[in-house]
Amino acid sequence: MDEQSPRAAMSRHRLPVHSTTLWTLICAALVVAVHISLVARGGFHLGSYASGVATLAAFVLAATYSLRKRSLWASLRLLQIAAWLPSSIARRIAYADRLETWRFTHVAIGIFLLLPLWWHIEAGSLRASTVEVALAVLVALLVLSGVAGAAIQEFLPHAMRLEPDHEVRPQDVEEALVLIYHEAEEAILGHSEKLVTAYLENIRPILRGAEPRLLLMRATLTGADPSARRCAPLRARAAELGAEAQLFQLLVDLAARKIRLEQNRFNLTFGTAWLRLHMALMLLTGFAVGFHVLGILYLDGL
């Protein structure tokens, strides 16, 4: 009997939803639907302690995704166990341990924890003290930063692949920028004063300067080439240089590539900056949750 290829085998276990943004919206809609059906119409009531414990458990489960990304210890042990199981079960276990599956699970837990939190607030355990209000704000910011990050991680890789020039590592971008500058400086050696003057007035400011972040953000969101508007007038000036027009066009091409690489660097920074914010909010939220729990236990004399 012919065995299926690994790709075909894995395709049978693909998630039904491939977009993290769409998955987030589905989870949010389910949270609202469950709350309406259970509480607004069904009269369901979960006490403050039960809803608080459920919310705390959801926070802990959501945090396991961060541990999974930073440590392979649990994955290695899981794969060792899967090696002793039938191949069909082992493939399912291996797929369940993929970062993609963990990410979708993390998003689902992060959205669904709003449900017990919602019940916890309605139960009256979150009074209008400074700590509790700060906790509610931190949770809202944490969830919003996660939703924004999911959309960024889904959109940016596709947008970056459309760029004519792009690198996948920030250090590669920096090296390419240095090489472009040196290539341009060497290209004008031994040429006419008119060409050198045109280079110093028009090309070098681009190579040495920095493009406005608003321009780079607009180019990322629209998928436009940020170098087109800046370099189009320069290309029209090439005819003024006569025999050296072709060389000036080459210099303009280098300037255009520099701008595109600058957008590449902006995208790489933008794609990771939200994660630092998300982690900072997670730590602050964890501290606020711990302080809230200790406060409740102290007030109840436990």
Protein backbone atom coordinates (compact mmCIF):
# COMPACT_ATOMS: atom_id res chain seq x y z
CA MET A 1 0.00 0.00 0.00
CA ASP A 2 1.38 3.39 -1.00
CA GLU A 3 2.01 5.77 1.83
CA GLN A 4 0.91 9.36 1.61
CA SER A 5 3.52 12.09 1.45
CA PRO A 6 4.21 14.07 4.65
CA ARG A 7 2.67 17.16 3.06
CA ALA A 8 -0.53 15.30 2.20
CA ALA A 9 -0.65 13.79 5.67
CA MET A 10 -0.25 17.16 7.32
CA SER A 11 -2.84 18.80 5.07
CA ARG A 12 -5.51 16.51 6.54
CA HIS A 13 -4.88 18.11 9.94
CA ARG A 14 -4.77 21.77 8.91
CA LEU A 15 -6.74 24.21 11.00
CA PRO A 16 -10.12 25.09 9.45
CA VAL A 17 -9.25 28.82 9.76
CA HIS A 18 -5.85 29.95 8.44
CA SER A 19 -6.14 33.68 9.22
CA THR A 20 -5.31 34.71 12.79
CA THR A 21 -7.26 37.93 12.29
CA LEU A 22 -10.36 36.03 11.20
CA TRP A 23 -9.84 33.55 14.04
CA THR A 24 -9.71 36.45 16.51
CA LEU A 25 -12.98 37.88 15.20
CA ILE A 26 -14.66 34.46 15.40
CA CYS A 27 -13.53 33.99 19.01
CA ALA A 28 -14.72 37.48 19.95
CA ALA A 29 -18.11 36.82 18.35
CA LEU A 30 -18.39 33.54 20.25
CA VAL A 31 -17.62 35.30 23.54
CA VAL A 32 -20.47 37.74 22.97
CA ALA A 33 -22.82 34.97 21.80
CA VAL A 34 -22.06 32.74 24.79
CA HIS A 35 -22.53 35.60 27.23
CA ILE A 36 -25.87 36.58 25.70
CA SER A 37 -27.18 33.01 25.56
CA LEU A 38 -26.05 32.04 29.07
CA VAL A 39 -26.48 35.25 31.07
CA ALA A 40 -28.84 37.59 29.28
CA ARG A 41 -31.29 34.89 28.24
CA GLY A 42 -30.48 31.84 30.34
CA GLY A 43 -30.01 33.49 33.72
CA PHE A 44 -26.61 31.83 34.21
CA HIS A 45 -24.68 33.15 37.20
CA LEU A 46 -21.10 32.40 38.16
CA GLY A 47 -19.93 33.71 41.51
CA SER A 48 -17.08 36.13 41.94
CA TYR A 49 -14.69 33.48 43.26
CA ALA A 50 -15.46 30.91 40.55
CA SER A 51 -15.24 33.49 37.77
CA GLY A 52 -12.03 34.90 39.28
CA VAL A 53 -10.42 31.44 39.43
CA ALA A 54 -11.51 30.75 35.83
CA THR A 55 -9.99 34.05 34.69
CA LEU A 56 -6.75 33.37 36.54
CA ALA A 57 -6.54 29.87 35.02
CA ALA A 58 -7.04 31.36 31.54
CA PHE A 59 -4.19 33.83 32.15
CA VAL A 60 -1.87 30.97 33.16
CA LEU A 61 -2.83 28.88 30.13
CA ALA A 62 -2.30 31.84 27.78
CA ALA A 63 1.17 32.41 29.27
CA THR A 64 2.26 28.86 28.35
CA TYR A 65 2.58 29.99 24.73
CA SER A 66 5.44 32.29 25.71
CA LEU A 67 7.14 29.41 27.51
CA ARG A 68 6.69 27.15 24.47
CA LYS A 69 8.43 29.70 22.20
CA ARG A 70 11.40 30.01 24.54
CA SER A 71 11.91 26.38 25.55
CA LEU A 72 11.73 23.12 23.61
CA TRP A 73 11.90 20.93 26.72
CA ALA A 74 8.19 20.05 26.77
CA SER A 75 8.10 19.54 22.99
CA LEU A 76 11.03 17.12 23.07
CA ARG A 77 9.42 15.08 25.83
CA LEU A 78 6.13 15.05 23.94
CA LEU A 79 7.81 13.86 20.74
CA GLN A 80 9.62 11.14 22.67
CA ILE A 81 6.27 9.87 23.90
CA ALA A 82 4.74 10.17 20.41
CA ALA A 83 7.54 7.98 19.00
CA TRP A 84 6.08 5.01 20.88
CA LEU A 85 2.55 5.60 19.55
CA PRO A 86 1.01 4.64 16.19
CA SER A 87 2.10 6.90 13.33
CA SER A 88 -1.36 8.40 12.80
CA ILE A 89 -1.53 9.52 16.44
CA ALA A 90 2.09 10.68 16.41
CA ARG A 91 1.40 12.94 13.42
CA ARG A 92 -1.54 14.51 15.21
CA ILE A 93 0.59 15.12 18.30
CA ALA A 94 3.37 16.66 16.20
CA TYR A 95 0.87 18.93 14.46
CA ALA A 96 -0.71 19.95 17.77
CA ASP A 97 2.75 20.98 19.00
CA ARG A 98 3.46 23.28 16.05
CA LEU A 99 3.89 26.98 16.88
CA GLU A 100 1.04 27.76 14.48
CA THR A 101 -1.34 25.61 16.53
CA TRP A 102 -0.02 27.08 19.77
CA ARG A 103 -0.50 30.59 18.38
CA PHE A 104 -4.13 29.97 17.41
CA THR A 105 -4.76 28.36 20.81
CA HIS A 106 -3.10 31.32 22.53
CA VAL A 107 -5.34 33.74 20.64
CA ALA A 108 -8.45 31.71 21.51
CA ILE A 109 -7.57 31.58 25.22
CA GLY A 110 -6.69 35.28 25.25
CA ILE A 111 -10.11 36.18 23.82
CA PHE A 112 -12.15 33.65 25.79
CA LEU A 113 -10.65 34.75 29.12
CA LEU A 114 -12.73 37.89 28.63
CA LEU A 115 -15.81 35.74 29.27
CA PRO A 116 -15.07 34.79 32.92
CA LEU A 117 -13.60 38.27 33.43
CA TRP A 118 -16.88 39.73 32.20
CA TRP A 119 -18.77 37.58 34.71
CA HIS A 120 -16.27 38.49 37.41
CA ILE A 121 -16.89 42.20 36.88
CA GLU A 122 -20.66 41.71 36.83
CA ALA A 123 -20.43 39.70 40.05
CA GLY A 124 -19.17 42.88 41.72
CA SER A 125 -15.73 41.65 42.79
CA LEU A 126 -14.00 44.47 40.91
CA ARG A 127 -14.85 47.58 42.93
CA ALA A 128 -13.95 51.04 41.73
CA SER A 129 -10.61 51.21 43.53
CA THR A 130 -7.46 52.38 41.80
CA VAL A 131 -5.93 48.90 41.63
CA GLU A 132 -9.03 47.24 40.18
CA VAL A 133 -9.58 49.98 37.60
CA ALA A 134 -5.90 49.74 36.61
CA LEU A 135 -6.26 45.97 36.33
CA ALA A 136 -9.27 46.28 34.02
CA VAL A 137 -7.42 48.81 31.84
CA LEU A 138 -4.31 46.62 31.69
CA VAL A 139 -6.34 43.58 30.64
CA ALA A 140 -8.05 45.60 27.90
CA LEU A 141 -4.69 46.93 26.65
CA LEU A 142 -3.16 43.45 26.83
CA VAL A 143 -5.91 41.93 24.70
CA LEU A 144 -5.87 44.84 22.23
CA SER A 145 -2.09 44.60 21.84
CA GLY A 146 -2.43 40.87 21.18
CA VAL A 147 -5.13 41.43 18.57
CA ALA A 148 -3.03 44.12 16.89
CA GLY A 149 0.02 41.84 16.99
CA ALA A 150 -1.89 38.98 15.38
CA ALA A 151 -2.91 41.26 12.53
CA ILE A 152 0.63 42.63 12.15
CA GLN A 153 2.21 39.18 12.08
CA GLU A 154 -0.27 38.10 9.43
CA PHE A 155 -0.04 41.19 7.24
CA LEU A 156 3.62 42.21 7.37
CA PRO A 157 5.28 39.05 5.98
CA HIS A 158 3.07 39.21 2.89
CA ALA A 159 3.69 42.94 2.50
CA MET A 160 7.45 42.47 2.82
CA ARG A 161 7.52 39.72 0.20
CA LEU A 162 6.09 42.23 -2.29
CA GLU A 163 9.08 44.55 -1.82
CA PRO A 164 11.65 44.50 -4.65
CA ASP A 165 14.49 44.61 -2.09
CA HIS A 166 14.09 43.07 1.32
CA GLU A 167 16.10 41.22 3.94
CA VAL A 168 14.88 39.03 6.75
CA ARG A 169 17.37 40.14 9.42
CA PRO A 170 18.03 43.71 10.64
CA GLN A 171 21.81 43.18 10.48
CA ASP A 172 21.52 42.23 6.80
CA VAL A 173 19.67 45.48 6.13
CA GLU A 174 22.38 47.52 7.85
CA GLU A 175 25.13 45.78 5.87
CA ALA A 176 23.26 46.38 2.60
CA LEU A 177 22.86 50.08 3.41
CA VAL A 178 26.59 50.45 4.04
CA LEU A 179 27.43 48.66 0.78
CA ILE A 180 25.07 50.92 -1.19
CA TYR A 181 26.70 54.05 0.19
CA HIS A 182 30.22 52.83 -0.58
CA GLU A 183 29.20 51.77 -4.08
CA ALA A 184 27.76 55.21 -4.80
CA GLU A 185 30.81 57.03 -3.41
CA GLU A 186 33.16 54.91 -5.54
CA ALA A 187 31.02 55.29 -8.66
CA ILE A 188 31.54 59.07 -8.89
CA LEU A 189 35.33 58.96 -8.57
CA GLY A 190 37.08 60.41 -11.64
CA HIS A 191 33.93 61.90 -13.17
CA SER A 192 32.98 65.45 -14.08
CA GLU A 193 32.33 68.18 -11.55
CA LYS A 194 28.78 68.48 -12.86
CA LEU A 195 28.02 64.85 -12.03
CA VAL A 196 29.70 65.10 -8.62
CA THR A 197 27.71 68.23 -7.83
CA ALA A 198 24.44 66.56 -8.89
CA TYR A 199 25.33 63.58 -6.71
CA LEU A 200 26.17 65.70 -3.66
CA GLU A 201 23.01 67.79 -3.98
CA ASN A 202 20.50 65.06 -4.82
CA ILE A 203 21.74 61.53 -4.11
CA ARG A 204 23.97 61.73 -1.05
CA PRO A 205 21.26 63.40 1.13
CA ILE A 206 19.09 60.35 0.47
CA LEU A 207 21.89 57.88 1.17
CA ARG A 208 22.94 59.64 4.38
CA GLY A 209 19.51 60.77 5.58
CA ALA A 210 16.42 59.03 6.91
CA GLU A 211 12.98 58.91 5.38
CA PRO A 212 10.01 60.13 7.47
CA ARG A 213 8.42 57.30 9.43
CA LEU A 214 4.98 58.44 8.31
CA LEU A 215 6.01 57.92 4.69
CA LEU A 216 7.32 54.42 5.46
CA MET A 217 4.17 53.52 7.39
CA ARG A 218 1.99 54.72 4.52
CA ALA A 219 4.03 52.67 2.05
CA THR A 220 3.66 49.57 4.23
CA LEU A 221 -0.10 49.95 4.58
CA THR A 222 -0.73 50.74 0.91
CA GLY A 223 1.89 48.41 -0.60
CA ALA A 224 3.37 51.32 -2.57
CA ASP A 225 7.04 51.79 -3.40
CA PRO A 226 8.28 54.58 -1.08
CA SER A 227 11.11 55.44 -3.46
CA ALA A 228 8.93 56.22 -6.48
CA ARG A 229 7.89 59.77 -5.56
CA ARG A 230 11.32 60.72 -4.21
CA CYS A 231 13.33 59.41 -7.16
CA ALA A 232 11.07 60.28 -10.09
CA PRO A 233 12.22 63.95 -10.29
CA LEU A 234 15.86 62.82 -10.09
CA ARG A 235 15.47 60.48 -13.06
CA ALA A 236 14.18 63.40 -15.13
CA ARG A 237 17.41 65.30 -14.41
CA ALA A 238 19.59 62.57 -15.91
CA ALA A 239 19.22 64.03 -19.42
CA GLU A 240 21.03 67.18 -18.25
CA LEU A 241 24.26 65.21 -17.72
CA GLY A 242 24.77 64.13 -21.30
CA ALA A 243 27.19 61.20 -21.56
CA GLU A 244 27.07 60.62 -17.82
CA ALA A 245 23.30 60.29 -17.73
CA GLN A 246 23.48 56.50 -17.48
CA LEU A 247 25.77 56.68 -14.47
CA PHE A 248 23.45 59.19 -12.78
CA GLN A 249 20.55 56.78 -13.40
CA LEU A 250 22.60 54.10 -11.64
CA LEU A 251 23.09 56.43 -8.68
CA VAL A 252 19.34 57.13 -8.57
CA ASP A 253 18.73 53.37 -8.60
CA LEU A 254 21.03 53.03 -5.59
CA ALA A 255 19.10 55.78 -3.80
CA ALA A 256 15.82 54.03 -4.59
CA ARG A 257 17.16 50.75 -3.22
CA LYS A 258 18.34 52.54 -0.09
CA ILE A 259 14.82 53.89 0.52
CA ARG A 260 13.28 50.46 0.00
CA LEU A 261 15.76 48.92 2.42
CA GLU A 262 14.90 51.64 4.91
CA GLN A 263 11.26 50.60 4.62
CA ASN A 264 12.40 47.00 5.06
CA ARG A 265 14.13 47.99 8.30
CA PHE A 266 11.02 49.86 9.43
CA ASN A 267 8.87 46.79 8.80
CA LEU A 268 11.22 44.52 10.73
CA THR A 269 11.21 46.92 13.68
CA PHE A 270 7.46 47.43 13.48
CA GLY A 271 6.88 43.68 13.38
CA THR A 272 8.67 43.12 16.70
CA ALA A 273 7.98 46.36 18.61
CA TRP A 274 4.41 45.35 19.39
CA LEU A 275 5.71 42.15 21.02
CA ARG A 276 7.83 44.12 23.49
CA LEU A 277 4.75 46.17 24.36
CA HIS A 278 2.66 43.01 24.69
CA MET A 279 5.21 41.39 27.01
CA ALA A 280 5.46 44.53 29.15
CA LEU A 281 1.67 44.64 29.47
CA MET A 282 1.63 40.95 30.31
CA LEU A 283 4.10 41.46 33.17
CA LEU A 284 2.20 44.48 34.49
CA THR A 285 -1.09 42.61 34.24
CA GLY A 286 0.37 39.60 36.04
CA PHE A 287 1.60 41.85 38.85
CA ALA A 288 -1.80 43.56 39.10
CA VAL A 289 -3.64 40.21 39.11
CA GLY A 290 -1.37 38.90 41.86
CA PHE A 291 -1.89 42.06 43.91
CA HIS A 292 -5.65 41.80 43.40
CA VAL A 293 -5.76 38.15 44.47
CA LEU A 294 -3.65 38.79 47.57
CA GLY A 295 -5.87 41.74 48.45
CA ILE A 296 -9.03 39.63 48.20
CA LEU A 297 -7.49 36.84 50.30
CA TYR A 298 -6.36 39.35 52.91
CA LEU A 299 -9.79 41.01 53.14
CA ASP A 300 -11.45 37.61 53.54
CA GLY A 301 -9.01 36.63 56.27
CA LEU A 302 -7.51 33.67 54.43
